[in-house]
Amino acid sequence: YNVIVGRTALTRVKAHLSPHMLLMKFPTPNGTGAVRGNQLSARTCYTTALK
């Protein structure tokens, strides 16, 4: 998420990252929002970026 969203934006929205779980949590007016990643997609993106 650091690369896609940007570290500054993550700090601004007070996001909590859990790379091990491929999870990002952030506060919303109605509670806590969460975004889950996909391990296969993350691995494919990482491999492509290294080429």
N, C-alpha and C. Protein backbone atom coordinates (compact mmCIF):
# COMPACT_ATOMS: atom_id res chain seq x y z
N TYR A 1 0.81 -1.19 0.00
CA TYR A 1 0.00 0.00 0.00
C TYR A 1 0.86 1.26 0.00
N ASN A 2 2.06 1.16 0.52
CA ASN A 2 2.94 2.33 0.54
C ASN A 2 3.17 2.87 -0.86
N VAL A 3 3.36 1.96 -1.81
CA VAL A 3 3.65 2.38 -3.18
C VAL A 3 2.40 2.86 -3.88
N ILE A 4 1.31 2.15 -3.73
CA ILE A 4 0.08 2.48 -4.45
C ILE A 4 -0.56 3.75 -3.92
N VAL A 5 -0.72 3.86 -2.62
CA VAL A 5 -1.40 5.00 -2.01
C VAL A 5 -0.42 6.10 -1.63
N GLY A 6 0.73 5.74 -1.15
CA GLY A 6 1.73 6.72 -0.72
C GLY A 6 1.77 6.82 0.80
N ARG A 7 2.96 6.87 1.33
CA ARG A 7 3.14 6.90 2.78
C ARG A 7 2.51 8.14 3.41
N THR A 8 2.61 9.28 2.74
CA THR A 8 2.02 10.51 3.28
C THR A 8 0.50 10.38 3.40
N ALA A 9 -0.13 9.84 2.38
CA ALA A 9 -1.59 9.66 2.41
C ALA A 9 -2.00 8.67 3.50
N LEU A 10 -1.23 7.61 3.68
CA LEU A 10 -1.54 6.63 4.72
C LEU A 10 -1.45 7.26 6.10
N THR A 11 -0.46 8.12 6.30
CA THR A 11 -0.32 8.81 7.58
C THR A 11 -1.48 9.77 7.79
N ARG A 12 -1.87 10.46 6.74
CA ARG A 12 -2.95 11.44 6.83
C ARG A 12 -4.27 10.80 7.23
N VAL A 13 -4.57 9.60 6.72
CA VAL A 13 -5.84 8.93 7.06
C VAL A 13 -5.70 8.02 8.27
N LYS A 14 -4.52 8.06 8.91
CA LYS A 14 -4.27 7.27 10.13
C LYS A 14 -4.47 5.78 9.89
N ALA A 15 -3.96 5.30 8.77
CA ALA A 15 -4.10 3.89 8.41
C ALA A 15 -3.13 3.03 9.21
N HIS A 16 -3.55 1.82 9.52
CA HIS A 16 -2.71 0.83 10.19
C HIS A 16 -2.49 -0.30 9.20
N LEU A 17 -1.22 -0.60 8.90
CA LEU A 17 -0.90 -1.62 7.92
C LEU A 17 -0.44 -2.90 8.59
N SER A 18 -0.88 -4.02 8.05
CA SER A 18 -0.43 -5.33 8.48
C SER A 18 0.02 -6.09 7.24
N PRO A 19 1.29 -5.93 6.83
CA PRO A 19 1.77 -6.59 5.62
C PRO A 19 1.64 -8.11 5.67
N HIS A 20 1.84 -8.68 6.84
CA HIS A 20 1.74 -10.13 6.98
C HIS A 20 0.34 -10.63 6.62
N MET A 21 -0.67 -9.87 7.00
CA MET A 21 -2.06 -10.26 6.74
C MET A 21 -2.60 -9.63 5.45
N LEU A 22 -1.76 -8.84 4.75
CA LEU A 22 -2.19 -8.08 3.59
C LEU A 22 -3.46 -7.30 3.92
N LEU A 23 -3.39 -6.52 4.99
CA LEU A 23 -4.55 -5.82 5.51
C LEU A 23 -4.21 -4.37 5.84
N MET A 24 -5.12 -3.47 5.51
CA MET A 24 -4.99 -2.07 5.88
C MET A 24 -6.29 -1.67 6.56
N LYS A 25 -6.18 -1.12 7.78
CA LYS A 25 -7.35 -0.63 8.52
C LYS A 25 -7.23 0.88 8.67
N PHE A 26 -8.37 1.54 8.68
CA PHE A 26 -8.39 2.99 8.79
C PHE A 26 -9.70 3.43 9.45
N PRO A 27 -9.66 4.53 10.19
CA PRO A 27 -10.88 5.00 10.86
C PRO A 27 -11.84 5.64 9.85
N THR A 28 -13.14 5.43 10.08
CA THR A 28 -14.20 6.06 9.29
C THR A 28 -15.20 6.67 10.26
N PRO A 29 -16.09 7.51 9.80
CA PRO A 29 -17.10 8.07 10.70
C PRO A 29 -17.99 7.00 11.34
N ASN A 30 -18.12 5.85 10.69
CA ASN A 30 -18.99 4.78 11.19
C ASN A 30 -18.24 3.62 11.83
N GLY A 31 -16.97 3.80 12.15
CA GLY A 31 -16.19 2.71 12.75
C GLY A 31 -14.86 2.54 12.04
N THR A 32 -14.47 1.30 11.84
CA THR A 32 -13.19 0.99 11.21
C THR A 32 -13.42 0.37 9.84
N GLY A 33 -12.73 0.93 8.83
CA GLY A 33 -12.77 0.36 7.49
C GLY A 33 -11.56 -0.53 7.30
N ALA A 34 -11.69 -1.49 6.40
CA ALA A 34 -10.57 -2.41 6.15
C ALA A 34 -10.50 -2.74 4.67
N VAL A 35 -9.26 -2.89 4.19
CA VAL A 35 -9.01 -3.31 2.82
C VAL A 35 -8.09 -4.51 2.90
N ARG A 36 -8.49 -5.61 2.29
CA ARG A 36 -7.67 -6.82 2.27
C ARG A 36 -7.04 -6.98 0.90
N GLY A 37 -5.78 -7.40 0.90
CA GLY A 37 -5.08 -7.67 -0.34
C GLY A 37 -5.23 -9.12 -0.75
N ASN A 38 -4.64 -9.44 -1.88
CA ASN A 38 -4.65 -10.80 -2.40
C ASN A 38 -3.20 -11.22 -2.60
N GLN A 39 -2.80 -12.32 -1.98
CA GLN A 39 -1.40 -12.72 -2.00
C GLN A 39 -0.90 -12.99 -3.41
N LEU A 40 -1.69 -13.67 -4.23
CA LEU A 40 -1.26 -13.97 -5.59
C LEU A 40 -1.09 -12.68 -6.40
N SER A 41 -2.03 -11.76 -6.28
CA SER A 41 -1.93 -10.48 -7.00
C SER A 41 -0.73 -9.68 -6.51
N ALA A 42 -0.50 -9.67 -5.20
CA ALA A 42 0.63 -8.94 -4.64
C ALA A 42 1.95 -9.52 -5.14
N ARG A 43 2.05 -10.83 -5.18
CA ARG A 43 3.28 -11.48 -5.65
C ARG A 43 3.51 -11.19 -7.13
N THR A 44 2.45 -11.25 -7.93
CA THR A 44 2.56 -10.97 -9.36
C THR A 44 2.99 -9.53 -9.60
N CYS A 45 2.40 -8.60 -8.87
CA CYS A 45 2.75 -7.18 -8.99
C CYS A 45 4.21 -6.96 -8.60
N TYR A 46 4.64 -7.57 -7.51
CA TYR A 46 6.01 -7.43 -7.03
C TYR A 46 7.00 -7.99 -8.06
N THR A 47 6.70 -9.16 -8.59
CA THR A 47 7.58 -9.79 -9.59
C THR A 47 7.67 -8.93 -10.84
N THR A 48 6.55 -8.40 -11.28
CA THR A 48 6.53 -7.54 -12.46
C THR A 48 7.34 -6.27 -12.23
N ALA A 49 7.24 -5.70 -11.04
CA ALA A 49 7.96 -4.47 -10.72
C ALA A 49 9.47 -4.69 -10.70
N LEU A 50 9.90 -5.89 -10.38
CA LEU A 50 11.34 -6.17 -10.32
C LEU A 50 11.97 -6.34 -11.69
N LYS A 51 11.16 -6.59 -12.71
CA LYS A 51 11.70 -6.83 -14.06
C LYS A 51 12.19 -5.57 -14.71
